[in-house]
Amino acid sequence: MHLTNDCRAVSDVLQRVGDKWTVLVVSKLGGGPLRFNELRNTIGGISQKMLTTTLRGLERDGFVTRTVFPTIPPRVDYELTDLGRELLVPVQALGDWALKNIDRVDAARARFDAGRGP
């Protein structure tokens, strides 16, 4: 029973932190607080809806804080929490690993695809 609960816990957290938008948002916020549009402009290809959904999920899970400043128009900043900064460590390590090994992954894919034939 204990292992089943552990698996559920790991699966639950990885579901949040394992998607590509979460990885990109956490990486970008690693450089400091950003406004919504600043964040959106630095992440190519993310829709407004997907960024909103991702930020809400990260805020709910305690990785990101949302601060509203009473200006006209209102200013909203997003920033990593302590938990989010801890998450940044393995996220950056995974990103570094991916960049270091992309050629090996591409070669493996090409070998696999060549062996499949029509």
C-alpha atoms as a PDB file:
ATOM      1  CA  MET A   1       0.000   0.000   0.000  1.00  0.00           C
ATOM      2  CA  HIS A   2       2.819   2.390   0.873  1.00  0.00           C
ATOM      3  CA  LEU A   3       4.388   1.990  -2.589  1.00  0.00           C
ATOM      4  CA  THR A   4       1.052   2.642  -4.289  1.00  0.00           C
ATOM      5  CA  ASN A   5       0.694   5.934  -2.402  1.00  0.00           C
ATOM      6  CA  ASP A   6       4.279   6.862  -3.274  1.00  0.00           C
ATOM      7  CA  CYS A   7       3.625   6.149  -6.957  1.00  0.00           C
ATOM      8  CA  ARG A   8       0.484   8.285  -6.886  1.00  0.00           C
ATOM      9  CA  ALA A   9       2.344  11.147  -5.217  1.00  0.00           C
ATOM     10  CA  VAL A  10       5.189  11.022  -7.726  1.00  0.00           C
ATOM     11  CA  SER A  11       2.778  10.719 -10.635  1.00  0.00           C
ATOM     12  CA  ASP A  12       0.723  13.650  -9.384  1.00  0.00           C
ATOM     13  CA  VAL A  13       3.733  15.967  -9.084  1.00  0.00           C
ATOM     14  CA  LEU A  14       5.300  14.827 -12.358  1.00  0.00           C
ATOM     15  CA  GLN A  15       2.024  15.460 -14.130  1.00  0.00           C
ATOM     16  CA  ARG A  16       2.360  19.133 -13.191  1.00  0.00           C
ATOM     17  CA  VAL A  17       6.088  19.630 -13.624  1.00  0.00           C
ATOM     18  CA  GLY A  18       6.612  17.313 -16.577  1.00  0.00           C
ATOM     19  CA  ASP A  19       4.743  19.152 -19.304  1.00  0.00           C
ATOM     20  CA  LYS A  20       6.659  21.349 -21.720  1.00  0.00           C
ATOM     21  CA  TRP A  21       4.907  24.607 -20.831  1.00  0.00           C
ATOM     22  CA  THR A  22       5.626  24.212 -17.130  1.00  0.00           C
ATOM     23  CA  VAL A  23       9.295  23.544 -17.851  1.00  0.00           C
ATOM     24  CA  LEU A  24       9.519  26.637 -20.068  1.00  0.00           C
ATOM     25  CA  VAL A  25       7.619  28.905 -17.657  1.00  0.00           C
ATOM     26  CA  VAL A  26       9.704  27.802 -14.674  1.00  0.00           C
ATOM     27  CA  SER A  27      12.894  28.267 -16.692  1.00  0.00           C
ATOM     28  CA  LYS A  28      11.939  31.775 -17.781  1.00  0.00           C
ATOM     29  CA  LEU A  29      10.844  32.814 -14.288  1.00  0.00           C
ATOM     30  CA  GLY A  30      14.196  31.554 -13.012  1.00  0.00           C
ATOM     31  CA  GLY A  31      15.622  34.855 -14.211  1.00  0.00           C
ATOM     32  CA  GLY A  32      13.299  36.845 -11.957  1.00  0.00           C
ATOM     33  CA  PRO A  33       9.726  38.141 -11.918  1.00  0.00           C
ATOM     34  CA  LEU A  34       7.966  38.739 -15.226  1.00  0.00           C
ATOM     35  CA  ARG A  35       4.683  40.232 -16.305  1.00  0.00           C
ATOM     36  CA  PHE A  36       2.236  38.046 -18.220  1.00  0.00           C
ATOM     37  CA  ASN A  37       3.010  39.526 -21.658  1.00  0.00           C
ATOM     38  CA  GLU A  38       6.758  39.524 -21.005  1.00  0.00           C
ATOM     39  CA  LEU A  39       6.517  35.846 -20.169  1.00  0.00           C
ATOM     40  CA  ARG A  40       4.329  35.110 -23.179  1.00  0.00           C
ATOM     41  CA  ASN A  41       6.715  36.943 -25.515  1.00  0.00           C
ATOM     42  CA  THR A  42       9.730  34.989 -24.264  1.00  0.00           C
ATOM     43  CA  ILE A  43       7.981  31.634 -24.781  1.00  0.00           C
ATOM     44  CA  GLY A  44       7.354  31.074 -28.461  1.00  0.00           C
ATOM     45  CA  GLY A  45       4.179  29.296 -29.470  1.00  0.00           C
ATOM     46  CA  ILE A  46       2.239  29.420 -26.205  1.00  0.00           C
ATOM     47  CA  SER A  47      -1.318  30.717 -26.419  1.00  0.00           C
ATOM     48  CA  GLN A  48      -2.734  33.166 -23.917  1.00  0.00           C
ATOM     49  CA  LYS A  49      -5.126  30.485 -22.656  1.00  0.00           C
ATOM     50  CA  MET A  50      -2.367  27.885 -22.199  1.00  0.00           C
ATOM     51  CA  LEU A  51      -0.117  30.353 -20.384  1.00  0.00           C
ATOM     52  CA  THR A  52      -2.988  31.336 -18.096  1.00  0.00           C
ATOM     53  CA  THR A  53      -3.779  27.684 -17.384  1.00  0.00           C
ATOM     54  CA  THR A  54      -0.121  26.851 -16.749  1.00  0.00           C
ATOM     55  CA  LEU A  55       0.402  29.825 -14.424  1.00  0.00           C
ATOM     56  CA  ARG A  56      -2.765  29.032 -12.456  1.00  0.00           C
ATOM     57  CA  GLY A  57      -1.664  25.436 -12.004  1.00  0.00           C
ATOM     58  CA  LEU A  58       1.811  26.501 -10.894  1.00  0.00           C
ATOM     59  CA  GLU A  59       0.301  29.011  -8.483  1.00  0.00           C
ATOM     60  CA  ARG A  60      -2.105  26.407  -7.094  1.00  0.00           C
ATOM     61  CA  ASP A  61       0.741  23.947  -6.545  1.00  0.00           C
ATOM     62  CA  GLY A  62       2.879  26.549  -4.784  1.00  0.00           C
ATOM     63  CA  PHE A  63       5.575  27.039  -7.426  1.00  0.00           C
ATOM     64  CA  VAL A  64       4.615  30.572  -8.514  1.00  0.00           C
ATOM     65  CA  THR A  65       3.224  33.674  -6.837  1.00  0.00           C
ATOM     66  CA  ARG A  66       1.042  36.223  -8.579  1.00  0.00           C
ATOM     67  CA  THR A  67       1.331  39.803  -7.348  1.00  0.00           C
ATOM     68  CA  VAL A  68      -1.160  42.464  -8.464  1.00  0.00           C
ATOM     69  CA  PHE A  69      -0.011  46.082  -8.234  1.00  0.00           C
ATOM     70  CA  PRO A  70      -2.752  48.740  -7.908  1.00  0.00           C
ATOM     71  CA  THR A  71      -1.762  50.770 -10.941  1.00  0.00           C
ATOM     72  CA  ILE A  72      -3.746  51.837 -13.983  1.00  0.00           C
ATOM     73  CA  PRO A  73      -3.757  49.558 -15.852  1.00  0.00           C
ATOM     74  CA  PRO A  74      -3.155  46.942 -13.142  1.00  0.00           C
ATOM     75  CA  ARG A  75       0.277  45.365 -13.210  1.00  0.00           C
ATOM     76  CA  VAL A  76       0.589  41.655 -12.458  1.00  0.00           C
ATOM     77  CA  ASP A  77       3.949  39.998 -11.829  1.00  0.00           C
ATOM     78  CA  TYR A  78       4.663  36.287 -11.658  1.00  0.00           C
ATOM     79  CA  GLU A  79       7.598  34.993  -9.645  1.00  0.00           C
ATOM     80  CA  LEU A  80       8.940  31.645  -8.478  1.00  0.00           C
ATOM     81  CA  THR A  81       8.391  30.780  -4.827  1.00  0.00           C
ATOM     82  CA  ASP A  82      11.063  29.015  -2.775  1.00  0.00           C
ATOM     83  CA  LEU A  83       9.508  25.733  -3.913  1.00  0.00           C
ATOM     84  CA  GLY A  84       9.603  26.927  -7.523  1.00  0.00           C
ATOM     85  CA  ARG A  85      13.272  27.868  -7.213  1.00  0.00           C
ATOM     86  CA  GLU A  86      13.969  24.366  -5.886  1.00  0.00           C
ATOM     87  CA  LEU A  87      12.153  22.952  -8.925  1.00  0.00           C
ATOM     88  CA  LEU A  88      14.317  25.123 -11.168  1.00  0.00           C
ATOM     89  CA  VAL A  89      17.388  23.019 -10.271  1.00  0.00           C
ATOM     90  CA  PRO A  90      16.201  19.711 -11.804  1.00  0.00           C
ATOM     91  CA  VAL A  91      14.391  21.559 -14.629  1.00  0.00           C
ATOM     92  CA  GLN A  92      17.632  23.293 -15.641  1.00  0.00           C
ATOM     93  CA  ALA A  93      19.572  20.048 -15.277  1.00  0.00           C
ATOM     94  CA  LEU A  94      17.103  18.276 -17.560  1.00  0.00           C
ATOM     95  CA  GLY A  95      17.283  21.121 -20.089  1.00  0.00           C
ATOM     96  CA  ASP A  96      21.091  21.016 -20.028  1.00  0.00           C
ATOM     97  CA  TRP A  97      21.008  17.237 -20.470  1.00  0.00           C
ATOM     98  CA  ALA A  98      18.612  17.572 -23.432  1.00  0.00           C
ATOM     99  CA  LEU A  99      20.842  20.129 -25.166  1.00  0.00           C
ATOM    100  CA  LYS A 100      23.937  18.012 -24.544  1.00  0.00           C
ATOM    101  CA  ASN A 101      22.314  14.840 -25.886  1.00  0.00           C
ATOM    102  CA  ILE A 102      20.011  16.012 -28.690  1.00  0.00           C
ATOM    103  CA  ASP A 103      22.399  14.747 -31.375  1.00  0.00           C
ATOM    104  CA  ARG A 104      22.451  11.281 -29.788  1.00  0.00           C
ATOM    105  CA  VAL A 105      18.657  11.232 -29.526  1.00  0.00           C
ATOM    106  CA  ASP A 106      18.280  12.364 -33.146  1.00  0.00           C
ATOM    107  CA  ALA A 107      20.726   9.651 -34.283  1.00  0.00           C
ATOM    108  CA  ALA A 108      18.821   6.985 -32.337  1.00  0.00           C
ATOM    109  CA  ARG A 109      15.545   8.142 -33.892  1.00  0.00           C
ATOM    110  CA  ALA A 110      17.040   8.049 -37.380  1.00  0.00           C
ATOM    111  CA  ARG A 111      18.381   4.497 -36.809  1.00  0.00           C
ATOM    112  CA  PHE A 112      15.005   3.370 -35.487  1.00  0.00           C
ATOM    113  CA  ASP A 113      13.054   4.987 -38.334  1.00  0.00           C
ATOM    114  CA  ALA A 114      15.450   3.559 -40.967  1.00  0.00           C
ATOM    115  CA  GLY A 115      14.848   0.050 -39.660  1.00  0.00           C
ATOM    116  CA  ARG A 116      11.074   0.361 -39.837  1.00  0.00           C
ATOM    117  CA  GLY A 117      10.743   0.576 -43.627  1.00  0.00           C
ATOM    118  CA  PRO A 118       7.429   1.022 -45.470  1.00  0.00           C
END
